[in-house]
N, C-alpha and C. Protein backbone atom coordinates (compact mmCIF):
# COMPACT_ATOMS: atom_id res chain seq x y z
N UNK A 1 84.00 116.77 62.58
CA UNK A 1 84.04 117.76 62.18
C UNK A 1 83.20 118.66 61.08
N UNK A 2 83.36 118.20 59.77
CA UNK A 2 82.41 118.27 59.20
C UNK A 2 81.26 118.39 59.23
N UNK A 3 80.72 117.49 59.57
CA UNK A 3 78.98 117.29 60.25
C UNK A 3 78.78 118.54 60.81
N UNK A 4 79.51 119.15 62.03
CA UNK A 4 79.32 120.07 63.04
C UNK A 4 79.26 121.43 62.19
N UNK A 5 80.39 121.61 61.40
CA UNK A 5 80.98 122.63 60.65
C UNK A 5 79.48 123.10 60.01
N UNK A 6 78.75 122.03 59.42
CA UNK A 6 77.37 122.38 58.40
C UNK A 6 76.58 122.29 59.00
N UNK A 7 76.30 121.39 60.48
CA UNK A 7 75.31 122.04 61.24
C UNK A 7 75.30 123.47 61.88
N UNK A 8 76.46 124.11 61.69
CA UNK A 8 76.40 125.67 62.53
C UNK A 8 76.22 126.46 61.26
N UNK A 9 76.41 126.32 60.25
CA UNK A 9 76.40 127.14 59.21
C UNK A 9 75.06 127.26 58.72
N UNK A 10 74.24 125.92 59.00
CA UNK A 10 72.73 125.82 58.34
C UNK A 10 71.87 126.63 59.37
N UNK A 11 72.31 126.27 60.65
CA UNK A 11 71.65 127.43 61.91
C UNK A 11 71.97 128.58 61.61
N UNK A 12 73.15 129.17 61.22
CA UNK A 12 73.22 130.64 61.12
C UNK A 12 72.80 131.08 60.28
N UNK A 13 72.28 130.36 58.96
CA UNK A 13 71.80 130.69 57.49
C UNK A 13 70.38 131.10 57.74
N UNK A 14 70.04 130.23 58.88
CA UNK A 14 68.31 130.17 58.83
C UNK A 14 68.17 131.20 59.91
N UNK A 15 68.62 131.52 61.02
CA UNK A 15 68.59 132.71 61.99
C UNK A 15 68.71 134.08 61.48
N UNK A 16 69.83 133.72 60.46
CA UNK A 16 70.20 135.22 59.87
C UNK A 16 69.03 135.50 58.91
N UNK A 17 68.44 134.78 58.35
CA UNK A 17 67.49 134.86 57.14
C UNK A 17 65.84 135.43 58.24
N UNK A 18 65.59 134.78 59.02
CA UNK A 18 64.67 135.32 60.10
C UNK A 18 64.59 136.44 60.38
N UNK A 19 66.34 137.20 60.27
CA UNK A 19 66.54 138.55 61.18
C UNK A 19 66.11 139.76 59.97
N UNK A 20 65.88 138.94 58.82
CA UNK A 20 65.73 140.55 57.60
C UNK A 20 66.63 141.18 57.87
N UNK A 21 67.77 140.53 57.30
CA UNK A 21 68.69 141.55 57.13
C UNK A 21 69.37 142.45 58.43
N UNK A 22 69.03 142.02 59.48
CA UNK A 22 68.95 142.21 60.84
C UNK A 22 67.76 143.51 61.11
N UNK A 23 66.81 143.88 59.98
CA UNK A 23 65.81 144.55 60.23
C UNK A 23 64.71 144.19 61.45
N UNK A 24 64.72 142.70 61.32
CA UNK A 24 64.02 142.19 62.68
C UNK A 24 64.47 141.38 63.66
N UNK A 25 65.69 141.72 63.93
CA UNK A 25 66.36 140.68 64.82
C UNK A 25 66.25 140.89 66.17
N UNK A 26 65.84 140.20 67.13
CA UNK A 26 65.40 140.10 68.35
C UNK A 26 66.98 140.18 69.20
N UNK A 27 67.24 140.55 70.19
CA UNK A 27 68.23 140.59 71.27
C UNK A 27 68.89 139.13 71.27
N UNK A 28 67.78 138.57 71.64
CA UNK A 28 68.23 136.67 71.58
C UNK A 28 68.89 136.68 70.33
N UNK A 29 68.34 136.65 69.13
CA UNK A 29 68.75 136.33 67.94
C UNK A 29 69.76 137.09 67.36
N UNK A 30 70.11 138.35 67.96
CA UNK A 30 71.69 139.23 67.77
C UNK A 30 72.91 138.03 68.22
N UNK A 31 72.53 137.53 69.67
CA UNK A 31 73.54 136.92 70.76
C UNK A 31 73.89 135.58 70.14
N UNK A 32 72.90 134.66 69.14
CA UNK A 32 72.81 133.66 68.91
C UNK A 32 73.52 133.63 67.60
N UNK A 33 73.29 134.48 66.50
CA UNK A 33 74.17 134.75 65.61
C UNK A 33 75.47 135.04 65.67
N UNK A 34 75.83 135.62 66.71
CA UNK A 34 77.17 136.36 67.02
C UNK A 34 77.90 134.87 67.50
N UNK A 35 77.11 134.15 68.48
CA UNK A 35 77.94 133.00 69.06
C UNK A 35 78.37 131.87 67.76
N UNK A 36 77.11 131.94 67.22
CA UNK A 36 77.71 130.82 65.79
C UNK A 36 78.38 130.85 64.92
N UNK A 37 78.71 132.65 64.80
CA UNK A 37 79.67 133.39 63.93
C UNK A 37 80.85 132.77 64.28
N UNK A 38 81.15 133.24 65.59
CA UNK A 38 82.51 132.85 66.52
C UNK A 38 82.93 131.42 66.35
N UNK A 39 81.81 130.51 66.64
CA UNK A 39 82.00 128.93 66.03
C UNK A 39 82.39 128.43 64.94
N UNK A 40 82.08 129.40 64.11
CA UNK A 40 82.18 129.19 62.54
C UNK A 40 83.66 129.42 62.18
N UNK A 41 83.93 130.71 62.34
CA UNK A 41 85.31 131.47 62.01
C UNK A 41 86.37 130.63 62.88
N UNK A 42 86.04 129.90 64.08
CA UNK A 42 87.12 129.05 64.73
C UNK A 42 87.47 127.35 63.80
N UNK A 43 86.49 127.42 62.86
CA UNK A 43 86.71 126.42 62.45
C UNK A 43 86.71 126.71 60.28
N UNK A 44 86.95 127.83 60.03
CA UNK A 44 87.36 128.22 58.98
C UNK A 44 87.78 127.42 58.09
N UNK A 45 87.47 126.77 57.00
CA UNK A 45 88.15 125.93 56.03
C UNK A 45 89.02 126.79 55.02
N UNK A 46 88.94 128.11 55.27
CA UNK A 46 89.83 128.96 54.49
C UNK A 46 90.78 129.76 55.01
N UNK A 47 91.99 129.36 55.74
CA UNK A 47 92.66 129.88 56.37
C UNK A 47 93.44 131.35 55.72
N UNK A 48 93.37 131.42 54.59
CA UNK A 48 94.17 132.54 54.29
C UNK A 48 92.76 133.20 52.98
N UNK A 49 91.94 133.50 53.44
CA UNK A 49 90.78 133.78 52.37
C UNK A 49 91.43 134.82 51.24
N UNK A 50 91.96 135.80 51.44
CA UNK A 50 92.66 136.63 50.43
C UNK A 50 93.49 135.99 49.25
N UNK A 51 94.00 134.69 49.46
CA UNK A 51 95.01 133.81 48.36
C UNK A 51 94.02 133.08 48.15
N UNK A 52 92.41 133.18 47.75
CA UNK A 52 91.77 132.41 47.49
C UNK A 52 90.49 133.21 46.75
N UNK A 53 90.95 134.21 45.79
CA UNK A 53 90.03 135.15 45.42
C UNK A 53 88.87 134.57 44.80
N UNK A 54 89.13 133.67 43.95
CA UNK A 54 88.40 132.91 43.32
C UNK A 54 86.95 132.35 44.14
N UNK A 55 87.16 132.12 45.41
CA UNK A 55 85.67 131.77 45.84
C UNK A 55 85.20 132.88 46.31
N UNK A 56 85.92 134.14 46.22
CA UNK A 56 85.01 135.18 47.16
C UNK A 56 84.33 136.22 45.61
N UNK A 57 84.82 135.56 44.25
CA UNK A 57 84.41 136.43 43.11
C UNK A 57 82.84 136.06 42.77
N UNK A 58 82.22 136.96 42.62
CA UNK A 58 80.65 136.82 42.14
C UNK A 58 79.60 137.47 42.93
N UNK A 59 78.60 137.48 42.97
CA UNK A 59 77.16 138.14 43.43
C UNK A 59 77.05 137.55 45.00
N UNK A 60 77.03 138.16 45.78
CA UNK A 60 76.38 137.72 47.17
C UNK A 60 75.44 138.30 48.18
N UNK A 61 74.61 137.97 48.74
CA UNK A 61 73.29 138.39 49.37
C UNK A 61 73.74 138.66 50.52
N UNK A 62 73.43 139.76 51.43
CA UNK A 62 73.82 140.10 52.48
C UNK A 62 72.26 139.68 53.51
N UNK A 63 72.42 138.48 54.14
CA UNK A 63 71.45 137.71 55.28
C UNK A 63 71.21 138.56 56.46
N UNK A 64 72.42 139.07 57.11
CA UNK A 64 72.59 140.14 58.03
C UNK A 64 73.81 140.59 58.53
N UNK A 65 73.50 141.60 59.11
CA UNK A 65 74.48 142.39 59.39
C UNK A 65 74.19 143.48 60.66
N UNK A 66 75.19 143.94 61.28
CA UNK A 66 75.14 144.57 62.86
C UNK A 66 75.09 146.33 61.99
N UNK A 67 75.35 146.70 60.52
CA UNK A 67 75.62 147.83 60.45
C UNK A 67 74.76 148.85 61.04
N UNK A 68 73.38 148.49 61.06
CA UNK A 68 72.47 149.12 61.56
C UNK A 68 71.78 150.37 60.62
N UNK A 69 71.81 149.77 59.21
CA UNK A 69 70.78 150.30 58.41
C UNK A 69 69.35 150.02 58.87
N UNK A 70 68.65 151.08 58.37
CA UNK A 70 67.13 150.86 58.95
C UNK A 70 66.39 150.65 57.58
N UNK A 71 65.41 150.02 57.76
CA UNK A 71 64.21 149.53 56.53
C UNK A 71 63.91 150.85 55.73
N UNK A 72 63.04 151.72 56.49
CA UNK A 72 62.75 153.06 55.94
C UNK A 72 63.82 154.15 55.98
N UNK A 73 64.69 154.30 55.19
CA UNK A 73 66.01 155.65 55.23
C UNK A 73 65.34 156.13 54.27
N UNK A 74 66.45 156.73 53.67
CA UNK A 74 66.50 157.62 52.51
C UNK A 74 67.98 157.31 51.85
N UNK A 75 67.90 158.04 50.15
CA UNK A 75 68.61 157.73 49.30
C UNK A 75 69.95 158.49 49.83
N UNK A 76 69.83 159.41 50.35
CA UNK A 76 70.69 160.29 50.91
C UNK A 76 71.88 159.66 52.03
N UNK A 77 71.02 158.81 52.49
CA UNK A 77 71.63 158.41 54.07
C UNK A 77 72.44 157.01 53.75
N UNK A 78 72.05 156.05 52.52
CA UNK A 78 72.46 154.85 51.87
C UNK A 78 73.93 155.70 50.57
N UNK A 79 74.07 156.83 50.58
CA UNK A 79 75.05 157.40 49.62
C UNK A 79 76.18 158.12 50.06
N UNK A 80 76.04 157.92 51.56
CA UNK A 80 77.05 158.69 52.00
C UNK A 80 76.71 160.38 52.00
N UNK A 81 75.77 160.85 51.55
CA UNK A 81 75.16 161.98 51.74
C UNK A 81 75.09 162.68 50.39
N UNK A 82 75.58 161.98 49.53
CA UNK A 82 75.62 162.35 48.17
C UNK A 82 74.45 162.41 47.16
N UNK A 83 72.97 161.70 47.55
CA UNK A 83 72.32 161.55 46.80
C UNK A 83 70.81 162.40 46.83
N UNK A 84 69.89 162.39 46.50
CA UNK A 84 68.83 163.18 46.63
C UNK A 84 68.20 162.82 48.19
N UNK A 85 67.69 163.52 49.11
CA UNK A 85 66.85 163.31 50.43
C UNK A 85 65.67 162.76 49.73
N UNK A 86 65.62 161.40 49.19
CA UNK A 86 64.43 161.19 49.12
C UNK A 86 64.15 159.49 50.04
N UNK A 87 62.79 159.33 50.55
CA UNK A 87 62.40 158.16 51.30
C UNK A 87 62.44 157.02 50.36
N UNK A 88 63.15 155.91 50.88
CA UNK A 88 63.17 154.87 50.35
C UNK A 88 62.76 153.40 51.37
N UNK A 89 62.47 152.36 50.88
CA UNK A 89 62.29 151.00 51.98
C UNK A 89 63.23 150.05 51.40
N UNK A 90 64.47 149.71 52.05
CA UNK A 90 65.13 148.85 51.65
C UNK A 90 64.32 147.39 51.50
N UNK A 91 64.69 146.45 50.33
CA UNK A 91 64.14 145.39 49.92
C UNK A 91 65.30 144.55 49.75
N UNK A 92 66.34 144.75 49.62
CA UNK A 92 67.21 143.38 49.31
C UNK A 92 69.05 144.35 49.38
N UNK A 93 69.84 143.71 50.12
CA UNK A 93 71.37 144.15 49.96
C UNK A 93 72.49 142.98 49.56
N UNK A 94 73.03 143.59 48.50
CA UNK A 94 74.19 142.53 47.91
C UNK A 94 75.19 142.96 47.42
N UNK A 95 76.34 142.04 47.34
CA UNK A 95 77.87 142.69 47.21
C UNK A 95 78.31 141.65 46.16
N UNK A 96 79.05 142.42 45.16
CA UNK A 96 79.69 141.88 44.00
C UNK A 96 80.93 142.33 43.89
N UNK A 97 81.72 141.51 44.12
CA UNK A 97 83.22 141.09 43.76
C UNK A 97 83.35 140.32 43.00
N UNK A 98 84.62 141.27 42.19
CA UNK A 98 85.25 140.53 41.07
C UNK A 98 86.31 140.98 41.08
N UNK A 99 87.38 140.19 40.51
CA UNK A 99 89.05 140.22 40.06
C UNK A 99 89.26 140.94 39.22
N UNK A 100 88.61 140.94 38.24
CA UNK A 100 88.83 141.76 36.97
C UNK A 100 88.65 143.51 37.64
N UNK A 101 89.55 144.18 37.52
CA UNK A 101 89.33 145.76 38.04
C UNK A 101 89.24 145.95 39.79
N UNK A 102 89.69 144.55 40.01
CA UNK A 102 89.37 144.85 41.65
C UNK A 102 87.82 145.27 42.26
N UNK A 103 86.93 144.72 41.26
CA UNK A 103 85.68 145.30 41.96
C UNK A 103 85.17 145.34 43.43
N UNK A 104 84.63 146.02 43.89
CA UNK A 104 83.91 145.89 45.02
C UNK A 104 82.96 146.29 45.28
N UNK A 105 81.70 146.08 44.91
CA UNK A 105 80.41 147.22 44.81
C UNK A 105 79.38 146.60 46.05
N UNK A 106 78.61 147.63 46.49
CA UNK A 106 77.78 147.24 47.64
C UNK A 106 76.69 147.72 46.47
N UNK A 107 75.21 146.73 46.87
CA UNK A 107 74.06 147.34 45.84
C UNK A 107 72.79 146.78 47.12
N UNK A 108 72.24 148.02 46.84
CA UNK A 108 70.85 148.12 47.85
C UNK A 108 69.63 148.39 46.86
N UNK A 109 68.85 147.73 47.13
CA UNK A 109 67.58 147.28 46.56
C UNK A 109 66.20 147.88 47.16
N UNK A 110 65.90 148.81 46.21
CA UNK A 110 64.48 149.42 47.52
C UNK A 110 63.47 149.89 46.34
N UNK A 111 62.02 150.07 47.20
CA UNK A 111 61.26 150.64 46.76
C UNK A 111 60.90 152.05 47.16
N UNK A 112 59.95 152.08 46.24
CA UNK A 112 59.51 154.34 46.43
C UNK A 112 57.90 154.00 46.78
N UNK A 113 57.83 155.26 47.40
CA UNK A 113 55.91 154.84 47.89
C UNK A 113 55.36 154.65 46.94
N UNK A 114 55.70 155.23 45.74
CA UNK A 114 54.79 154.64 44.32
C UNK A 114 54.92 153.60 43.67
N UNK A 115 55.59 152.94 44.42
CA UNK A 115 55.74 151.10 43.70
C UNK A 115 57.04 150.88 43.13
N UNK A 116 57.34 152.22 42.95
CA UNK A 116 58.88 151.89 41.83
C UNK A 116 59.92 151.08 42.15
N UNK A 117 60.42 150.26 41.80
CA UNK A 117 61.32 149.72 42.36
C UNK A 117 63.11 150.43 42.25
N UNK A 118 63.94 150.69 42.64
CA UNK A 118 65.35 151.34 42.06
C UNK A 118 66.60 150.42 43.10
N UNK A 119 67.83 150.72 42.52
CA UNK A 119 69.19 150.30 42.75
C UNK A 119 69.71 151.69 43.24
N UNK A 120 70.61 151.47 44.53
CA UNK A 120 71.53 152.23 44.79
C UNK A 120 73.07 151.41 44.92
N UNK A 121 73.96 152.21 44.14
CA UNK A 121 75.51 151.37 43.84
C UNK A 121 75.92 152.18 44.60
N UNK A 122 77.28 151.53 45.17
CA UNK A 122 78.41 151.90 45.84
C UNK A 122 79.47 151.01 45.40
N UNK A 123 80.25 151.73 44.32
CA UNK A 123 81.43 151.34 43.65
C UNK A 123 82.69 151.26 44.76
N UNK A 124 83.47 150.07 44.23
CA UNK A 124 84.35 150.61 45.31
C UNK A 124 85.75 149.48 44.58
N UNK A 125 86.98 149.82 45.43
CA UNK A 125 87.91 149.02 44.68
C UNK A 125 88.81 148.21 45.71
N UNK A 126 89.35 147.35 45.77
CA UNK A 126 89.63 146.39 46.90
C UNK A 126 91.35 146.38 46.71
N UNK A 127 92.18 146.04 47.23
CA UNK A 127 93.64 145.74 47.64
C UNK A 127 93.84 144.74 48.63
N UNK A 128 94.65 144.00 48.31
CA UNK A 128 95.02 142.98 49.36
C UNK A 128 96.36 143.42 50.68
N UNK A 129 95.44 143.26 52.06
CA UNK A 129 96.24 144.03 52.75
C UNK A 129 97.18 142.61 53.37
N UNK A 130 96.70 141.65 53.51
CA UNK A 130 97.07 140.25 54.62
C UNK A 130 96.00 139.17 53.66
N UNK A 131 96.71 138.33 54.53
CA UNK A 131 95.59 137.01 53.98
C UNK A 131 94.53 137.04 54.46
N UNK A 132 93.91 137.84 55.13
CA UNK A 132 92.29 138.03 55.31
C UNK A 132 91.92 139.42 54.88
N UNK A 133 92.37 140.51 55.19
CA UNK A 133 92.29 141.53 55.18
C UNK A 133 91.93 142.40 53.83
N UNK A 134 91.41 142.98 53.08
CA UNK A 134 90.93 143.75 52.30
C UNK A 134 90.43 145.36 52.45
N UNK A 135 91.45 145.79 51.73
CA UNK A 135 91.23 147.51 51.88
C UNK A 135 90.50 148.15 51.03
N UNK A 136 89.41 148.69 50.99
CA UNK A 136 88.02 149.18 50.00
C UNK A 136 88.16 150.61 50.11
N UNK A 137 88.80 151.09 48.47
CA UNK A 137 88.33 152.56 48.40
C UNK A 137 87.15 152.53 47.73
N UNK A 138 86.04 153.83 48.30
CA UNK A 138 85.41 153.76 47.44
C UNK A 138 85.37 154.79 46.37
N UNK A 139 84.51 154.85 45.40
CA UNK A 139 85.08 155.85 44.09
C UNK A 139 83.40 156.32 43.87
N UNK A 140 82.79 155.93 43.71
CA UNK A 140 81.45 156.51 43.08
C UNK A 140 80.16 155.73 43.87
N UNK A 141 79.03 156.52 44.03
CA UNK A 141 77.58 156.07 43.98
C UNK A 141 76.61 156.69 43.19
N UNK A 142 75.57 155.59 42.78
CA UNK A 142 74.47 156.13 41.85
C UNK A 142 73.41 155.60 42.09
N UNK A 143 72.26 155.60 41.38
CA UNK A 143 71.10 155.32 41.63
C UNK A 143 70.53 155.51 40.23
N UNK A 144 69.69 154.35 40.11
CA UNK A 144 68.87 153.95 39.20
C UNK A 144 67.28 153.30 39.09
N UNK A 145 66.62 153.02 38.19
CA UNK A 145 65.68 152.21 38.24
C UNK A 145 66.09 150.67 38.28
N UNK A 146 65.31 150.00 38.36
CA UNK A 146 65.62 148.66 38.51
C UNK A 146 64.66 148.17 37.43
N UNK A 147 63.89 148.81 36.67
CA UNK A 147 62.91 148.66 35.51
C UNK A 147 63.73 149.34 34.16
N UNK A 148 64.07 148.59 33.21
CA UNK A 148 64.54 148.91 31.84
C UNK A 148 63.86 149.86 31.36
N UNK A 149 62.24 149.60 31.47
CA UNK A 149 61.31 150.71 30.46
C UNK A 149 61.16 151.76 30.96
N UNK A 150 62.01 152.03 31.83
CA UNK A 150 61.39 153.70 32.71
C UNK A 150 62.44 154.40 32.32
N UNK A 151 62.06 155.45 31.69
CA UNK A 151 63.08 156.68 30.91
C UNK A 151 63.85 157.59 32.15
N UNK A 152 64.96 158.25 32.33
CA UNK A 152 65.33 159.00 33.10
C UNK A 152 64.93 159.84 33.78
N UNK A 153 63.93 160.67 32.70
CA UNK A 153 62.56 161.27 33.34
C UNK A 153 62.00 160.94 34.16
N UNK A 154 61.75 159.68 34.06
CA UNK A 154 60.29 158.91 34.48
C UNK A 154 60.88 158.94 36.07
N UNK A 155 61.72 158.09 35.84
CA UNK A 155 62.77 158.16 37.11
C UNK A 155 62.88 158.92 37.78
N UNK A 156 63.49 160.21 37.36
CA UNK A 156 63.50 161.64 37.90
C UNK A 156 62.11 161.93 38.72
N UNK A 157 61.13 161.68 37.80
CA UNK A 157 59.84 162.08 37.91
C UNK A 157 58.93 160.96 39.51
N UNK A 158 59.36 159.56 39.59
CA UNK A 158 59.36 159.21 40.61
C UNK A 158 59.81 159.11 41.82
N UNK A 159 61.10 159.72 41.67
CA UNK A 159 61.89 160.20 43.01
C UNK A 159 61.60 161.80 43.85
N UNK A 160 60.64 161.99 42.46
CA UNK A 160 59.90 163.28 43.08
C UNK A 160 61.16 164.53 43.23
N UNK A 161 61.95 164.46 42.13
CA UNK A 161 62.88 165.62 42.25
C UNK A 161 63.12 166.00 40.47
N UNK A 162 63.42 166.99 40.35
CA UNK A 162 63.61 167.40 38.98
C UNK A 162 64.52 166.97 38.30
N UNK A 163 64.85 167.14 37.05
CA UNK A 163 66.18 166.80 36.11
C UNK A 163 67.76 167.27 36.31
N UNK A 164 67.22 168.24 37.45
CA UNK A 164 68.63 168.93 37.63
C UNK A 164 69.73 168.13 38.87
N UNK A 165 69.29 167.67 40.20
CA UNK A 165 69.51 166.86 40.85
C UNK A 165 70.50 165.52 40.27
N UNK A 166 71.91 165.21 40.66
CA UNK A 166 72.35 164.56 39.58
C UNK A 166 72.03 163.04 40.68
N UNK A 167 71.84 162.18 40.04
CA UNK A 167 71.78 160.53 40.34
C UNK A 167 73.18 160.00 40.60
N UNK A 168 74.15 160.38 40.52
CA UNK A 168 75.32 159.59 40.66
C UNK A 168 76.60 161.20 41.23
N UNK A 169 77.50 160.49 42.02
CA UNK A 169 78.34 161.32 42.92
C UNK A 169 79.85 160.07 42.74
N UNK A 170 80.71 161.17 42.72
CA UNK A 170 82.09 160.66 42.85
C UNK A 170 82.35 160.40 44.82
N UNK A 171 83.05 159.55 45.10
CA UNK A 171 82.94 159.35 46.58
C UNK A 171 84.51 159.44 46.74
N UNK A 172 85.15 159.47 47.90
CA UNK A 172 86.66 159.60 48.24
C UNK A 172 86.82 159.62 49.85
N UNK A 173 86.62 158.22 50.24
CA UNK A 173 86.72 157.41 51.41
C UNK A 173 87.22 156.03 51.17
N UNK A 174 87.74 155.10 52.29
CA UNK A 174 88.07 153.96 52.40
C UNK A 174 87.81 153.46 53.30
N UNK A 175 87.95 151.87 53.62
CA UNK A 175 87.60 151.44 54.91
C UNK A 175 88.66 149.96 54.69
N UNK A 176 88.17 149.26 55.27
CA UNK A 176 88.88 147.66 55.34
C UNK A 176 87.87 146.66 55.74
N UNK A 177 88.02 145.09 55.62
CA UNK A 177 87.11 144.10 56.03
C UNK A 177 87.97 143.11 56.11
N UNK A 178 87.53 142.31 56.85
CA UNK A 178 88.31 140.98 57.81
C UNK A 178 87.42 140.06 57.07
N UNK A 179 87.55 139.07 56.49
CA UNK A 179 86.88 137.79 55.78
C UNK A 179 87.13 136.62 57.01
N UNK A 180 86.20 136.21 57.42
CA UNK A 180 86.75 135.58 58.77
C UNK A 180 86.27 134.11 58.14
N UNK A 181 85.43 134.16 57.52
CA UNK A 181 84.81 132.69 57.01
C UNK A 181 84.45 132.41 55.50
N UNK A 182 85.01 131.68 55.19
CA UNK A 182 84.87 131.24 53.58
C UNK A 182 84.76 130.13 53.05
N UNK A 183 83.90 129.76 52.46
CA UNK A 183 83.67 128.66 51.87
C UNK A 183 82.82 129.13 50.07
N UNK A 184 82.96 127.96 49.77
CA UNK A 184 82.56 128.01 48.74
C UNK A 184 80.95 128.88 47.72
N UNK A 185 80.38 128.98 49.04
CA UNK A 185 79.03 129.57 49.02
C UNK A 185 78.39 130.41 50.24
N UNK A 186 79.65 130.81 51.11
CA UNK A 186 79.11 131.57 52.36
C UNK A 186 80.40 131.80 52.72
N UNK A 187 80.13 133.56 53.35
CA UNK A 187 81.49 134.18 53.62
C UNK A 187 80.70 134.90 54.96
N UNK A 188 82.05 135.18 56.19
CA UNK A 188 81.79 136.30 57.10
C UNK A 188 82.65 137.25 56.76
N UNK A 189 82.20 138.41 57.46
CA UNK A 189 83.36 139.34 57.26
C UNK A 189 83.03 140.28 58.50
N UNK A 190 84.15 141.09 58.78
CA UNK A 190 84.06 141.93 59.96
C UNK A 190 84.73 143.32 59.63
N UNK A 191 84.07 144.44 59.55
CA UNK A 191 84.43 145.61 59.06
C UNK A 191 85.28 146.62 59.80
N UNK A 192 85.81 147.43 59.80
CA UNK A 192 86.58 148.33 60.36
C UNK A 192 85.52 148.80 61.49
N UNK A 193 84.54 149.12 61.12
CA UNK A 193 83.56 149.21 62.76
C UNK A 193 83.07 148.44 63.40
N UNK A 194 83.65 147.50 63.22
CA UNK A 194 83.53 146.36 64.07
C UNK A 194 82.08 145.51 63.63
N UNK A 195 81.74 145.86 62.56
CA UNK A 195 80.45 145.14 62.34
C UNK A 195 80.63 143.81 61.34
N UNK A 196 79.28 142.50 62.07
CA UNK A 196 79.70 141.51 61.49
C UNK A 196 78.48 141.32 59.93
N UNK A 197 78.86 140.78 59.19
CA UNK A 197 78.49 140.79 57.89
C UNK A 197 78.02 138.99 57.65
N UNK A 198 76.99 138.52 57.44
CA UNK A 198 76.69 137.51 57.04
C UNK A 198 76.35 137.34 55.49
N UNK A 199 76.88 137.06 54.84
CA UNK A 199 76.50 136.55 53.37
C UNK A 199 76.55 135.20 52.35
N UNK A 200 75.45 134.83 51.97
CA UNK A 200 75.33 133.90 50.85
C UNK A 200 75.51 134.40 49.69
N UNK A 201 76.28 132.93 48.83
CA UNK A 201 76.22 133.54 47.52
C UNK A 201 75.08 133.59 46.61
N UNK A 202 74.53 134.44 45.79
CA UNK A 202 73.59 134.37 45.50
C UNK A 202 73.20 133.91 44.01
N UNK A 203 72.63 132.61 43.69
CA UNK A 203 72.69 132.23 42.55
C UNK A 203 71.29 132.34 41.44
């Protein structure tokens, strides 16, 4: 059973990485990922994930999702319509979960046409509903430069906006996610929009 679980997990990680967060996922790969995910969920070693939040805590890299995000998108789209309508190219997606403050933050790394790198952050707070479900209240979104030596004014200029448009905004909506597989370095989630998320602990 242990060797079967390890093999399933490694195969799912490999195919998910090859999909490039789902941007380059073929229909065949999508079907394989779903089949492997269901097989892993059936042998989940952590039957009550929310009772083991210490395993969830930390920084995770999103390897694959069916969320439908496009690589070429805009700040406006990834911030639920709150940030400027600036074209970006997504390079990485991460999630940070911390029990202190019940933080549940999603981070999208991107590049601009000018070559400047940035990060969009969607901050949230979680509450435990049951043994596998977390309710998420999203409270704030912001964007910042990924470079510490770039001034706020220079980053505004790189975005192609003046200093007036705010680069942060409050949010007021919620959702939920079920943790359907969890071990010390790997996690599967299914959200309220029936999306699958495959995450690997980021060291």
